[in-house]
Structures are given as structure tokens and as C-alpha cells.
N, C-alpha and C. Protein backbone atom coordinates (compact mmCIF):
# COMPACT_ATOMS: atom_id res chain seq x y z
N UNK A 1 3.59 19.61 -14.25
CA UNK A 1 3.28 20.14 -12.94
C UNK A 1 1.95 19.54 -12.50
N UNK A 2 1.93 19.23 -11.15
CA UNK A 2 0.80 18.57 -10.63
C UNK A 2 -0.41 19.52 -10.67
N UNK A 3 -1.57 18.89 -10.91
CA UNK A 3 -2.88 19.64 -10.80
C UNK A 3 -3.03 20.50 -12.09
N UNK A 4 -2.17 20.36 -13.09
CA UNK A 4 -2.41 21.20 -14.32
C UNK A 4 -3.39 20.47 -15.35
N UNK A 5 -3.64 19.24 -15.12
CA UNK A 5 -4.53 18.52 -16.06
C UNK A 5 -5.83 19.31 -16.23
N UNK A 6 -6.45 19.67 -15.13
CA UNK A 6 -7.67 20.43 -15.18
C UNK A 6 -7.55 21.69 -15.95
N UNK A 7 -6.42 22.43 -15.71
CA UNK A 7 -6.22 23.74 -16.41
C UNK A 7 -5.93 23.49 -17.90
N UNK A 8 -5.27 22.36 -18.20
CA UNK A 8 -4.98 22.09 -19.64
C UNK A 8 -6.34 21.76 -20.36
N UNK A 9 -7.25 21.05 -19.63
CA UNK A 9 -8.48 20.75 -20.21
C UNK A 9 -9.33 22.03 -20.40
N UNK A 10 -9.23 22.95 -19.49
CA UNK A 10 -9.84 24.27 -19.58
C UNK A 10 -9.27 25.05 -20.78
N UNK A 11 -8.00 24.96 -20.97
CA UNK A 11 -7.38 25.69 -22.01
C UNK A 11 -7.72 25.05 -23.43
N UNK A 12 -8.11 23.82 -23.38
CA UNK A 12 -8.62 23.22 -24.65
C UNK A 12 -9.74 24.18 -25.09
N UNK A 13 -10.48 24.70 -24.19
CA UNK A 13 -11.54 25.66 -24.62
C UNK A 13 -11.02 27.07 -24.83
N UNK A 14 -9.75 27.25 -24.46
CA UNK A 14 -9.08 28.62 -24.71
C UNK A 14 -9.04 28.81 -26.15
N UNK A 15 -9.17 27.82 -27.00
CA UNK A 15 -9.25 27.96 -28.45
C UNK A 15 -10.31 28.96 -28.74
N UNK A 16 -11.30 29.14 -27.88
CA UNK A 16 -12.46 30.04 -28.16
C UNK A 16 -11.97 31.48 -28.09
N UNK A 17 -10.79 31.63 -27.37
CA UNK A 17 -10.23 33.04 -27.32
C UNK A 17 -9.89 33.45 -28.64
N UNK A 18 -10.58 34.54 -29.10
CA UNK A 18 -10.15 35.16 -30.40
C UNK A 18 -10.37 34.31 -31.62
N UNK A 19 -11.16 33.23 -31.53
CA UNK A 19 -11.33 32.58 -32.82
C UNK A 19 -11.50 31.09 -32.86
N UNK A 20 -11.23 30.54 -33.96
CA UNK A 20 -11.53 29.17 -34.31
C UNK A 20 -13.00 28.95 -34.44
N UNK A 21 -13.75 29.99 -34.72
CA UNK A 21 -15.24 29.85 -34.81
C UNK A 21 -15.68 30.91 -35.82
N UNK A 22 -16.86 30.70 -36.35
CA UNK A 22 -17.43 31.68 -37.23
C UNK A 22 -18.54 32.46 -36.51
N UNK A 23 -18.74 33.71 -36.84
CA UNK A 23 -19.72 34.47 -36.23
C UNK A 23 -21.06 34.25 -36.96
N UNK A 24 -22.13 34.12 -36.22
CA UNK A 24 -23.40 33.88 -36.86
C UNK A 24 -23.80 35.22 -37.64
N UNK A 25 -24.20 34.95 -38.88
CA UNK A 25 -24.40 36.14 -39.73
C UNK A 25 -25.42 37.08 -39.24
N UNK A 26 -26.37 36.74 -38.49
CA UNK A 26 -27.36 37.67 -37.99
C UNK A 26 -26.87 38.68 -37.00
N UNK A 27 -25.72 38.42 -36.46
CA UNK A 27 -25.20 39.39 -35.43
C UNK A 27 -23.95 40.15 -35.92
N UNK A 28 -23.19 39.57 -36.91
CA UNK A 28 -22.00 40.10 -37.24
C UNK A 28 -21.90 41.63 -37.53
N UNK A 29 -22.91 42.09 -38.25
CA UNK A 29 -23.01 43.43 -38.66
C UNK A 29 -23.16 44.41 -37.57
N UNK A 30 -23.69 43.98 -36.40
CA UNK A 30 -24.05 44.89 -35.27
C UNK A 30 -23.14 44.80 -34.13
N UNK A 31 -22.04 44.12 -34.27
CA UNK A 31 -21.05 43.97 -33.19
C UNK A 31 -20.36 45.23 -32.80
N UNK A 32 -20.21 45.45 -31.47
CA UNK A 32 -19.48 46.60 -31.00
C UNK A 32 -18.02 46.30 -30.96
N UNK A 33 -17.12 47.35 -30.79
CA UNK A 33 -15.67 47.23 -30.80
C UNK A 33 -15.05 46.05 -30.07
N UNK A 34 -15.41 45.85 -28.71
CA UNK A 34 -14.78 44.68 -28.06
C UNK A 34 -15.22 43.38 -28.69
N UNK A 35 -16.45 43.21 -29.15
CA UNK A 35 -16.90 42.03 -29.87
C UNK A 35 -16.19 41.88 -31.16
N UNK A 36 -15.95 42.97 -31.80
CA UNK A 36 -15.23 42.93 -33.13
C UNK A 36 -13.89 42.33 -33.01
N UNK A 37 -13.21 42.47 -31.92
CA UNK A 37 -11.85 41.94 -31.66
C UNK A 37 -12.02 40.43 -31.76
N UNK A 38 -12.98 39.82 -31.13
CA UNK A 38 -13.08 38.41 -31.23
C UNK A 38 -13.38 37.93 -32.67
N UNK A 39 -14.25 38.68 -33.29
CA UNK A 39 -14.60 38.32 -34.67
C UNK A 39 -13.41 38.53 -35.67
N UNK A 40 -12.66 39.59 -35.51
CA UNK A 40 -11.67 39.89 -36.45
C UNK A 40 -10.49 38.89 -36.40
N UNK A 41 -10.07 38.58 -35.22
CA UNK A 41 -9.04 37.63 -35.06
C UNK A 41 -9.41 36.20 -35.54
N UNK A 42 -10.72 35.91 -35.25
CA UNK A 42 -11.24 34.64 -35.75
C UNK A 42 -11.08 34.61 -37.31
N UNK A 43 -11.28 35.68 -38.02
CA UNK A 43 -11.11 35.73 -39.43
C UNK A 43 -9.71 35.44 -39.88
N UNK A 44 -8.76 35.84 -39.03
CA UNK A 44 -7.32 35.50 -39.30
C UNK A 44 -7.04 34.07 -39.09
N UNK A 45 -7.60 33.48 -37.99
CA UNK A 45 -7.18 32.08 -37.66
C UNK A 45 -7.88 31.07 -38.49
N UNK A 46 -9.17 31.31 -38.73
CA UNK A 46 -9.95 30.28 -39.34
C UNK A 46 -9.47 29.70 -40.64
N UNK A 47 -9.07 30.54 -41.64
CA UNK A 47 -8.52 29.92 -42.89
C UNK A 47 -7.33 28.99 -42.67
N UNK A 48 -6.56 29.26 -41.64
CA UNK A 48 -5.38 28.36 -41.41
C UNK A 48 -5.83 26.99 -41.01
N UNK A 49 -6.91 26.94 -40.30
CA UNK A 49 -7.47 25.67 -39.82
C UNK A 49 -7.66 24.69 -41.02
N UNK A 50 -7.95 25.16 -42.23
CA UNK A 50 -8.26 24.39 -43.31
C UNK A 50 -7.00 23.82 -44.05
N UNK A 51 -5.81 24.42 -43.68
CA UNK A 51 -4.54 24.03 -44.34
C UNK A 51 -3.90 22.91 -43.58
N UNK A 52 -4.04 21.68 -44.06
CA UNK A 52 -3.61 20.50 -43.27
C UNK A 52 -2.03 20.46 -43.26
N UNK A 53 -1.40 21.04 -44.31
CA UNK A 53 0.08 21.05 -44.30
C UNK A 53 0.53 21.97 -43.25
N UNK A 54 -0.13 23.15 -43.09
CA UNK A 54 0.30 24.11 -42.09
C UNK A 54 0.17 23.50 -40.67
N UNK A 55 -0.99 22.88 -40.38
CA UNK A 55 -1.20 22.35 -39.06
C UNK A 55 -0.29 21.15 -38.69
N UNK A 56 0.39 20.57 -39.65
CA UNK A 56 1.33 19.56 -39.36
C UNK A 56 2.66 20.06 -38.73
N UNK A 57 2.91 21.30 -38.98
CA UNK A 57 4.16 21.95 -38.45
C UNK A 57 3.80 22.70 -37.17
N UNK A 58 3.97 22.00 -36.02
CA UNK A 58 3.49 22.63 -34.76
C UNK A 58 4.24 23.86 -34.36
N UNK A 59 5.52 23.89 -34.66
CA UNK A 59 6.32 25.09 -34.36
C UNK A 59 5.79 26.34 -35.09
N UNK A 60 5.40 26.10 -36.36
CA UNK A 60 4.92 27.14 -37.24
C UNK A 60 3.46 27.59 -36.72
N UNK A 61 2.67 26.59 -36.26
CA UNK A 61 1.37 26.92 -35.74
C UNK A 61 1.54 27.85 -34.54
N UNK A 62 2.39 27.38 -33.57
CA UNK A 62 2.54 28.28 -32.38
C UNK A 62 3.08 29.63 -32.67
N UNK A 63 3.94 29.73 -33.63
CA UNK A 63 4.46 31.09 -33.99
C UNK A 63 3.34 31.92 -34.51
N UNK A 64 2.53 31.37 -35.42
CA UNK A 64 1.34 32.09 -36.03
C UNK A 64 0.34 32.42 -34.96
N UNK A 65 -0.03 31.49 -34.10
CA UNK A 65 -1.07 31.74 -33.09
C UNK A 65 -0.56 32.82 -32.10
N UNK A 66 0.71 32.78 -31.69
CA UNK A 66 1.25 33.89 -30.85
C UNK A 66 1.15 35.17 -31.54
N UNK A 67 1.51 35.26 -32.74
CA UNK A 67 1.42 36.53 -33.43
C UNK A 67 0.09 37.11 -33.56
N UNK A 68 -0.94 36.21 -33.64
CA UNK A 68 -2.33 36.65 -33.84
C UNK A 68 -2.94 37.06 -32.45
N UNK A 69 -2.73 36.32 -31.40
CA UNK A 69 -3.44 36.63 -30.21
C UNK A 69 -2.73 37.68 -29.35
N UNK A 70 -1.39 37.69 -29.40
CA UNK A 70 -0.57 38.49 -28.48
C UNK A 70 -1.10 40.00 -28.49
N UNK A 71 -1.30 40.63 -29.67
CA UNK A 71 -1.69 42.03 -29.62
C UNK A 71 -3.04 42.27 -28.89
N UNK A 72 -3.79 41.23 -28.77
CA UNK A 72 -5.17 41.38 -28.19
C UNK A 72 -5.20 40.76 -26.83
N UNK A 73 -4.09 40.40 -26.23
CA UNK A 73 -4.08 39.70 -24.89
C UNK A 73 -3.07 40.43 -24.01
N UNK A 74 -3.48 40.91 -22.82
CA UNK A 74 -2.58 41.64 -21.95
C UNK A 74 -1.93 40.78 -20.93
N UNK A 75 -0.69 40.20 -21.39
CA UNK A 75 -0.02 39.24 -20.40
C UNK A 75 0.52 40.04 -19.26
N UNK A 76 0.80 41.34 -19.45
CA UNK A 76 1.35 42.15 -18.33
C UNK A 76 0.26 42.29 -17.25
N UNK A 77 -0.99 42.15 -17.57
CA UNK A 77 -2.00 42.23 -16.57
C UNK A 77 -2.38 40.85 -16.09
N UNK A 78 -2.31 39.84 -16.99
CA UNK A 78 -2.75 38.48 -16.61
C UNK A 78 -1.75 37.90 -15.60
N UNK A 79 -0.47 38.08 -15.83
CA UNK A 79 0.55 37.48 -14.96
C UNK A 79 0.44 37.86 -13.51
N UNK A 80 0.37 39.18 -13.20
CA UNK A 80 0.13 39.50 -11.76
C UNK A 80 -1.21 38.97 -11.16
N UNK A 81 -2.23 38.89 -11.99
CA UNK A 81 -3.50 38.36 -11.49
C UNK A 81 -3.31 36.90 -11.16
N UNK A 82 -2.56 36.09 -12.04
CA UNK A 82 -2.35 34.70 -11.86
C UNK A 82 -1.58 34.40 -10.67
N UNK A 83 -0.52 35.20 -10.44
CA UNK A 83 0.38 34.91 -9.34
C UNK A 83 -0.13 35.53 -7.99
N UNK A 84 -0.95 36.51 -8.07
CA UNK A 84 -1.51 37.04 -6.84
C UNK A 84 -0.47 37.63 -5.88
N UNK A 85 -0.48 37.11 -4.62
CA UNK A 85 0.39 37.56 -3.64
C UNK A 85 1.86 37.27 -3.95
N UNK A 86 2.11 36.24 -4.69
CA UNK A 86 3.48 35.87 -5.08
C UNK A 86 4.07 36.90 -6.05
N UNK A 87 3.25 37.58 -6.83
CA UNK A 87 3.74 38.55 -7.68
C UNK A 87 4.44 39.73 -6.92
N UNK A 88 3.86 40.05 -5.76
CA UNK A 88 4.42 41.21 -5.02
C UNK A 88 5.78 40.93 -4.41
N UNK A 89 6.05 39.69 -4.20
CA UNK A 89 7.33 39.32 -3.57
C UNK A 89 8.35 38.78 -4.59
N UNK A 90 7.90 38.64 -5.82
CA UNK A 90 8.82 38.19 -6.88
C UNK A 90 9.81 39.15 -7.27
N UNK A 91 11.00 38.75 -7.62
CA UNK A 91 12.09 39.67 -8.17
C UNK A 91 11.65 40.10 -9.58
N UNK A 92 12.31 41.17 -10.07
CA UNK A 92 12.09 41.57 -11.44
C UNK A 92 12.30 40.49 -12.43
N UNK A 93 13.43 39.75 -12.20
CA UNK A 93 13.75 38.66 -13.11
C UNK A 93 12.71 37.52 -13.02
N UNK A 94 12.25 37.14 -11.90
CA UNK A 94 11.14 36.11 -11.75
C UNK A 94 9.91 36.59 -12.44
N UNK A 95 9.54 37.89 -12.36
CA UNK A 95 8.31 38.27 -13.03
C UNK A 95 8.43 38.22 -14.59
N UNK A 96 9.61 38.64 -15.04
CA UNK A 96 9.82 38.52 -16.56
C UNK A 96 9.86 37.06 -17.00
N UNK A 97 10.49 36.17 -16.28
CA UNK A 97 10.61 34.84 -16.62
C UNK A 97 9.19 34.18 -16.50
N UNK A 98 8.44 34.47 -15.46
CA UNK A 98 7.10 33.92 -15.41
C UNK A 98 6.24 34.32 -16.54
N UNK A 99 6.21 35.65 -16.87
CA UNK A 99 5.37 36.17 -18.03
C UNK A 99 5.71 35.39 -19.29
N UNK A 100 7.06 35.23 -19.58
CA UNK A 100 7.49 34.53 -20.71
C UNK A 100 7.03 33.09 -20.81
N UNK A 101 7.22 32.37 -19.70
CA UNK A 101 6.89 30.98 -19.74
C UNK A 101 5.41 30.75 -19.63
N UNK A 102 4.70 31.51 -18.89
CA UNK A 102 3.25 31.39 -18.85
C UNK A 102 2.60 31.68 -20.24
N UNK A 103 3.15 32.70 -20.89
CA UNK A 103 2.60 33.00 -22.21
C UNK A 103 2.88 31.89 -23.16
N UNK A 104 4.09 31.27 -23.09
CA UNK A 104 4.47 30.15 -23.96
C UNK A 104 3.56 29.00 -23.66
N UNK A 105 3.25 28.68 -22.36
CA UNK A 105 2.36 27.62 -22.05
C UNK A 105 0.92 27.86 -22.61
N UNK A 106 0.39 29.10 -22.48
CA UNK A 106 -0.92 29.30 -23.01
C UNK A 106 -0.98 29.23 -24.53
N UNK A 107 0.04 29.74 -25.14
CA UNK A 107 0.11 29.76 -26.62
C UNK A 107 0.28 28.33 -27.20
N UNK A 108 1.07 27.55 -26.61
CA UNK A 108 1.28 26.17 -27.13
C UNK A 108 0.02 25.34 -26.85
N UNK A 109 -0.62 25.47 -25.65
CA UNK A 109 -1.85 24.80 -25.48
C UNK A 109 -2.96 25.13 -26.36
N UNK A 110 -3.04 26.48 -26.66
CA UNK A 110 -4.02 27.01 -27.49
C UNK A 110 -3.75 26.54 -28.98
N UNK A 111 -2.47 26.40 -29.27
CA UNK A 111 -2.11 25.97 -30.63
C UNK A 111 -2.45 24.51 -30.86
N UNK A 112 -2.22 23.69 -29.85
CA UNK A 112 -2.62 22.28 -29.89
C UNK A 112 -4.14 22.21 -30.13
N UNK A 113 -4.95 22.94 -29.41
CA UNK A 113 -6.32 23.00 -29.56
C UNK A 113 -6.69 23.48 -30.89
N UNK A 114 -5.91 24.52 -31.46
CA UNK A 114 -6.14 25.04 -32.82
C UNK A 114 -6.13 23.96 -33.87
N UNK A 115 -5.20 22.99 -33.67
CA UNK A 115 -5.00 21.87 -34.56
C UNK A 115 -6.22 20.93 -34.55
N UNK A 116 -6.77 20.72 -33.28
CA UNK A 116 -7.72 19.67 -33.03
C UNK A 116 -9.16 19.99 -33.17
N UNK A 117 -9.54 21.27 -33.05
CA UNK A 117 -10.88 21.64 -32.94
C UNK A 117 -11.38 22.40 -34.22
N UNK A 118 -12.65 22.26 -34.53
CA UNK A 118 -13.16 22.91 -35.62
C UNK A 118 -14.73 22.92 -35.58
N UNK A 119 -15.39 23.49 -36.58
CA UNK A 119 -16.81 23.43 -36.69
C UNK A 119 -17.55 24.09 -35.48
N UNK A 120 -17.03 25.22 -35.13
CA UNK A 120 -17.72 26.10 -34.08
C UNK A 120 -18.39 27.21 -34.72
N UNK A 121 -19.42 27.73 -34.01
CA UNK A 121 -19.95 29.03 -34.41
C UNK A 121 -20.22 29.77 -33.07
N UNK A 122 -20.33 31.02 -33.12
CA UNK A 122 -20.48 31.84 -31.93
C UNK A 122 -21.66 32.81 -32.10
N UNK A 123 -22.34 33.01 -30.95
CA UNK A 123 -23.46 33.94 -30.87
C UNK A 123 -23.12 34.99 -29.81
N UNK A 124 -23.37 36.25 -30.11
CA UNK A 124 -23.04 37.31 -29.18
C UNK A 124 -24.33 37.82 -28.40
N UNK A 125 -24.59 37.53 -27.18
CA UNK A 125 -25.63 38.18 -26.42
C UNK A 125 -25.22 39.62 -26.20
N UNK A 126 -26.04 40.29 -25.41
CA UNK A 126 -25.77 41.73 -25.10
C UNK A 126 -24.39 41.91 -24.47
N UNK A 127 -23.74 43.05 -24.87
CA UNK A 127 -22.39 43.40 -24.32
C UNK A 127 -22.57 44.06 -23.00
N UNK A 128 -21.71 43.67 -22.04
CA UNK A 128 -21.72 44.39 -20.74
C UNK A 128 -20.58 45.34 -20.69
N UNK A 129 -20.90 46.67 -20.82
CA UNK A 129 -19.85 47.67 -20.91
C UNK A 129 -19.92 48.58 -19.70
N UNK A 130 -18.79 48.88 -19.13
CA UNK A 130 -18.72 49.73 -17.93
C UNK A 130 -19.20 51.17 -18.20
N UNK A 131 -19.56 51.91 -17.15
CA UNK A 131 -20.09 53.24 -17.37
C UNK A 131 -19.08 54.16 -18.12
N UNK A 132 -17.80 54.00 -17.79
CA UNK A 132 -16.78 54.88 -18.44
C UNK A 132 -16.35 54.30 -19.83
N UNK A 133 -16.86 53.20 -20.19
CA UNK A 133 -16.46 52.63 -21.51
C UNK A 133 -15.10 52.13 -21.58
N UNK A 134 -14.44 51.80 -20.57
CA UNK A 134 -13.06 51.29 -20.53
C UNK A 134 -12.93 49.78 -20.23
N UNK A 135 -13.98 49.21 -19.78
CA UNK A 135 -13.94 47.80 -19.43
C UNK A 135 -15.26 47.11 -19.99
N UNK A 136 -15.15 45.85 -20.39
CA UNK A 136 -16.26 45.17 -20.99
C UNK A 136 -16.09 43.65 -20.65
N UNK A 137 -17.31 43.04 -20.54
CA UNK A 137 -17.39 41.65 -20.55
C UNK A 137 -18.15 41.24 -21.83
N UNK A 138 -17.42 40.63 -22.77
CA UNK A 138 -17.95 40.17 -24.02
C UNK A 138 -18.53 38.78 -23.81
N UNK A 139 -19.79 38.77 -23.71
CA UNK A 139 -20.54 37.46 -23.59
C UNK A 139 -20.68 36.74 -24.87
N UNK A 140 -20.40 35.57 -24.84
CA UNK A 140 -20.63 34.73 -26.08
C UNK A 140 -21.20 33.38 -25.74
N UNK A 141 -21.89 32.81 -26.72
CA UNK A 141 -22.39 31.41 -26.62
C UNK A 141 -21.77 30.70 -27.80
N UNK A 142 -21.02 29.68 -27.50
CA UNK A 142 -20.34 28.90 -28.51
C UNK A 142 -21.27 27.74 -28.89
N UNK A 143 -21.50 27.53 -30.18
CA UNK A 143 -22.41 26.63 -30.66
C UNK A 143 -21.67 25.53 -31.45
N UNK A 144 -22.00 24.25 -31.19
CA UNK A 144 -21.48 23.14 -31.89
C UNK A 144 -22.63 22.18 -32.15
N UNK A 145 -22.70 21.60 -33.40
CA UNK A 145 -23.79 20.75 -33.74
C UNK A 145 -24.01 19.61 -32.74
N UNK A 146 -25.24 19.48 -32.33
CA UNK A 146 -25.61 18.39 -31.47
C UNK A 146 -25.27 18.62 -29.96
N UNK A 147 -24.83 19.76 -29.59
CA UNK A 147 -24.43 19.99 -28.18
C UNK A 147 -25.06 21.26 -27.70
N UNK A 148 -25.12 21.35 -26.42
CA UNK A 148 -25.64 22.60 -25.77
C UNK A 148 -24.67 23.76 -25.98
N UNK A 149 -25.19 24.92 -26.02
CA UNK A 149 -24.24 26.13 -26.12
C UNK A 149 -23.36 26.24 -24.94
N UNK A 150 -22.14 26.66 -25.14
CA UNK A 150 -21.19 26.79 -24.07
C UNK A 150 -20.97 28.35 -23.81
N UNK A 151 -21.15 28.77 -22.60
CA UNK A 151 -20.98 30.22 -22.24
C UNK A 151 -19.49 30.50 -22.08
N UNK A 152 -19.00 31.37 -22.94
CA UNK A 152 -17.62 31.83 -22.84
C UNK A 152 -17.57 33.32 -22.83
N UNK A 153 -17.16 33.88 -21.75
CA UNK A 153 -17.10 35.35 -21.62
C UNK A 153 -15.69 35.81 -21.49
N UNK A 154 -15.47 36.98 -22.00
CA UNK A 154 -14.10 37.65 -22.04
C UNK A 154 -14.08 38.86 -21.27
N UNK A 155 -13.21 38.98 -20.33
CA UNK A 155 -13.09 40.23 -19.60
C UNK A 155 -12.00 41.06 -20.37
N UNK A 156 -12.38 42.22 -20.74
CA UNK A 156 -11.51 43.00 -21.63
C UNK A 156 -11.47 44.45 -21.07
N UNK A 157 -10.36 45.16 -21.48
CA UNK A 157 -10.28 46.63 -21.07
C UNK A 157 -9.68 47.32 -22.23
N UNK A 158 -9.87 48.63 -22.30
CA UNK A 158 -9.42 49.53 -23.36
C UNK A 158 -8.11 50.03 -22.98
N UNK A 159 -7.07 49.73 -23.76
CA UNK A 159 -5.68 50.17 -23.46
C UNK A 159 -5.19 50.96 -24.70
N UNK A 160 -5.10 52.25 -24.56
CA UNK A 160 -4.55 53.12 -25.66
C UNK A 160 -5.36 52.86 -26.86
N UNK A 161 -6.69 52.78 -26.81
CA UNK A 161 -7.52 52.70 -27.96
C UNK A 161 -7.71 51.27 -28.49
N UNK A 162 -7.00 50.25 -27.79
CA UNK A 162 -7.17 48.87 -28.22
C UNK A 162 -7.83 48.04 -27.16
N UNK A 163 -8.80 47.21 -27.54
CA UNK A 163 -9.42 46.30 -26.57
C UNK A 163 -8.58 45.04 -26.39
N UNK A 164 -8.26 44.66 -25.15
CA UNK A 164 -7.49 43.52 -24.83
C UNK A 164 -8.12 42.64 -23.79
N UNK A 165 -7.89 41.32 -23.94
CA UNK A 165 -8.42 40.30 -23.10
C UNK A 165 -7.50 40.16 -21.92
N UNK A 166 -8.04 39.97 -20.70
CA UNK A 166 -7.24 39.72 -19.52
C UNK A 166 -7.80 38.58 -18.63
N UNK A 167 -8.96 38.04 -19.13
CA UNK A 167 -9.45 36.83 -18.42
C UNK A 167 -10.52 36.27 -19.32
N UNK A 168 -10.71 34.84 -19.15
CA UNK A 168 -11.68 34.17 -19.89
C UNK A 168 -12.50 33.39 -18.92
N UNK A 169 -13.80 33.46 -18.95
CA UNK A 169 -14.73 32.71 -18.05
C UNK A 169 -15.52 31.71 -18.87
N UNK A 170 -15.21 30.43 -18.67
CA UNK A 170 -15.87 29.37 -19.36
C UNK A 170 -16.90 28.67 -18.53
N UNK A 171 -18.19 28.75 -18.82
CA UNK A 171 -19.25 28.21 -17.98
C UNK A 171 -19.00 28.53 -16.46
N UNK A 172 -18.67 29.82 -16.27
CA UNK A 172 -18.50 30.30 -14.89
C UNK A 172 -17.19 30.13 -14.27
N UNK A 173 -16.23 29.44 -14.93
CA UNK A 173 -14.93 29.17 -14.42
C UNK A 173 -13.88 30.17 -14.95
N UNK A 174 -13.18 30.88 -14.12
CA UNK A 174 -12.25 31.90 -14.62
C UNK A 174 -10.90 31.23 -14.83
N UNK A 175 -10.34 31.53 -16.00
CA UNK A 175 -9.00 31.04 -16.28
C UNK A 175 -7.99 31.62 -15.28
N UNK A 176 -8.04 32.88 -15.01
CA UNK A 176 -7.12 33.55 -14.06
C UNK A 176 -7.27 32.85 -12.65
N UNK A 177 -8.46 32.73 -12.21
CA UNK A 177 -8.67 32.17 -10.82
C UNK A 177 -8.17 30.77 -10.71
N UNK A 178 -8.42 30.02 -11.81
CA UNK A 178 -8.02 28.59 -11.82
C UNK A 178 -6.51 28.48 -11.73
N UNK A 179 -5.77 29.28 -12.51
CA UNK A 179 -4.36 29.13 -12.55
C UNK A 179 -3.73 29.81 -11.20
N UNK A 180 -4.41 30.73 -10.70
CA UNK A 180 -3.89 31.34 -9.49
C UNK A 180 -3.83 30.30 -8.33
N UNK A 181 -4.93 29.44 -8.24
CA UNK A 181 -5.02 28.37 -7.34
C UNK A 181 -3.95 27.29 -7.54
N UNK A 182 -3.75 27.00 -8.79
CA UNK A 182 -2.75 25.91 -9.22
C UNK A 182 -1.40 26.35 -8.86
N UNK A 183 -1.01 27.52 -9.27
CA UNK A 183 0.38 28.08 -9.09
C UNK A 183 0.67 28.21 -7.57
N UNK A 184 -0.33 28.72 -6.84
CA UNK A 184 -0.18 28.77 -5.41
C UNK A 184 0.17 27.48 -4.71
N UNK A 185 -0.49 26.45 -5.18
CA UNK A 185 -0.18 25.13 -4.70
C UNK A 185 1.14 24.61 -5.11
N UNK A 186 1.55 24.88 -6.33
CA UNK A 186 2.84 24.49 -6.77
C UNK A 186 3.95 25.21 -6.05
N UNK A 187 3.79 26.52 -5.79
CA UNK A 187 4.82 27.28 -5.08
C UNK A 187 4.99 26.75 -3.68
N UNK A 188 3.84 26.51 -3.00
CA UNK A 188 3.94 25.90 -1.65
C UNK A 188 4.69 24.53 -1.66
N UNK A 189 4.30 23.76 -2.65
CA UNK A 189 4.89 22.41 -2.73
C UNK A 189 6.33 22.43 -3.01
N UNK A 190 6.78 23.24 -3.98
CA UNK A 190 8.22 23.33 -4.39
C UNK A 190 9.04 24.23 -3.52
N UNK A 191 8.41 25.14 -2.79
CA UNK A 191 9.10 26.00 -1.89
C UNK A 191 9.53 27.35 -2.46
N UNK A 192 9.40 27.55 -3.77
CA UNK A 192 9.77 28.87 -4.31
C UNK A 192 9.15 29.07 -5.68
N UNK A 193 8.96 30.33 -6.00
CA UNK A 193 8.40 30.68 -7.32
C UNK A 193 9.42 30.28 -8.43
N UNK A 194 10.70 30.53 -8.14
CA UNK A 194 11.82 30.25 -9.07
C UNK A 194 11.74 28.77 -9.56
N UNK A 195 11.56 27.87 -8.53
CA UNK A 195 11.56 26.46 -8.86
C UNK A 195 10.29 26.13 -9.79
N UNK A 196 9.20 26.72 -9.54
CA UNK A 196 7.95 26.55 -10.33
C UNK A 196 8.26 27.04 -11.72
N UNK A 197 8.88 28.17 -11.85
CA UNK A 197 9.13 28.71 -13.26
C UNK A 197 10.18 27.81 -13.98
N UNK A 198 11.12 27.26 -13.28
CA UNK A 198 12.11 26.44 -13.92
C UNK A 198 11.37 25.14 -14.51
N UNK A 199 10.44 24.61 -13.69
CA UNK A 199 9.77 23.44 -14.10
C UNK A 199 8.87 23.75 -15.33
N UNK A 200 8.18 24.91 -15.28
CA UNK A 200 7.34 25.33 -16.33
C UNK A 200 8.10 25.51 -17.62
N UNK A 201 9.35 26.07 -17.55
CA UNK A 201 10.14 26.26 -18.66
C UNK A 201 10.54 24.91 -19.28
N UNK A 202 10.92 24.00 -18.42
CA UNK A 202 11.22 22.63 -18.88
C UNK A 202 10.05 21.97 -19.51
N UNK A 203 8.88 22.09 -19.03
CA UNK A 203 7.73 21.51 -19.63
C UNK A 203 7.48 22.13 -20.98
N UNK A 204 7.61 23.43 -21.10
CA UNK A 204 7.43 24.10 -22.37
C UNK A 204 8.40 23.62 -23.44
N UNK A 205 9.64 23.44 -23.07
CA UNK A 205 10.60 22.96 -24.10
C UNK A 205 10.24 21.53 -24.52
N UNK A 206 9.88 20.71 -23.55
CA UNK A 206 9.60 19.30 -23.81
C UNK A 206 8.30 19.13 -24.70
N UNK A 207 7.29 20.01 -24.30
CA UNK A 207 6.03 19.96 -25.04
C UNK A 207 6.19 20.34 -26.48
N UNK A 208 7.00 21.42 -26.69
CA UNK A 208 7.19 21.94 -28.05
C UNK A 208 8.00 21.02 -28.91
N UNK A 209 8.91 20.20 -28.21
CA UNK A 209 9.61 19.26 -28.99
C UNK A 209 8.78 18.00 -29.41
N UNK A 210 7.87 17.57 -28.40
CA UNK A 210 7.16 16.41 -28.64
C UNK A 210 5.75 16.72 -29.33
N UNK A 211 5.49 18.04 -29.45
CA UNK A 211 4.18 18.53 -29.98
C UNK A 211 3.05 18.18 -29.09
N UNK A 212 3.30 17.83 -27.78
CA UNK A 212 2.21 17.58 -26.84
C UNK A 212 2.01 18.77 -26.01
N UNK A 213 0.83 19.01 -25.66
CA UNK A 213 0.52 20.21 -24.75
C UNK A 213 0.16 19.74 -23.43
């Protein structure tokens, strides 16, 4: 799909969602529940990164990554935010198909980055928690040797006692806003949401076969 190169580049940093990094020891003990989500899933993913035999099997990697991040990511909230006005006019079938293919795209791109990136650490500045305690912005600074810290913030909400991510802001750039602009352009260019979903599904199949994201 046209104009997705920038989004794929952004999603290379999507590896920072829920892990592929270690928490700095000085802060780990004092993390609050939304921050602990990021840390705990990191602890699940990080050991797999060291298994070179595991990372050679891309289908296995994507299955594992999906299983780890899905419980902590609200695709039912993300999909409407990404499609914006097009979600309101979409059929029930289009909504379900888009959620499925968009989730697949995010997971496979995240999985590719999972294989390629390592040696990250994360620092947690103060948590931004709403007055009613149901929404949070988990602010993080991602540290890599020899580079400036990267600001990666997670918008999260409390859903039946579980904190879930519904947007990521990397150096001020929102994942949701970026994709909303891209899909809006694609729908206008192709003439329908259905056509865009069909192309996205095709790209997902081809990418998983070729192991390219």
C-alpha cells in the first residue's frame, strides 16, 4: 500500500510496545500497575530474543508475539480510532475484516522488529494518571548505547481490571493518527474500504510467506 513505508518505519519502533527491553534496576521496584504491564511482558519476550533457532522460524515468532501482546492491546478500540469516519459507515463484516488484517499487520511488523532489534533499556519518568484512575499515559525513555534517549509513551486504559494499550506515541508521533491519515488516503485512492482491506490481506499473506514486513 502506498505511503505505508513511513508507518512501517514507525512500527519498527513498535517493538518498544510491551518489551524487547530491560527495565533499569533503579526503577523496577517502584513501578505502578500500568508501567508493570510494559515490564512484565518485556520479561516474557526478552528471553526469546536470545534463542537464534526460535527467531529463524518467522511463523512461530509471529504466533508467539501475538499471544504475548494481544491480551494487553485493545484492537477493538484501536481499529475505530484508526479508521475514524470510515468506521461509522463500514459494514459489520468490513469492521471485523479490518480488525483482523490490521492486527495481523501490526503483529507481523512487530515480529520482524523483534528478530532484528536488541540491547535496549527503558527508564520510566513519572506516570500520568487520570483523576478517576482509569486512563494513563505511561511515559518511557528508551535507552540505547551511544544514542540519545527516545521518548515512547503509551496511552492505556483500565478494562475490567486490566491495563491495555490503545495508542503509542513515539517522539510525539501517534501510531493511531499516522495510520488514520494513511488509510484515509488509501480509501480515497481505491474508492472503498473493502478494496483497502483486500489489499491489506494480500500484503499480509505475501509478507508472512516471504518473512518480509
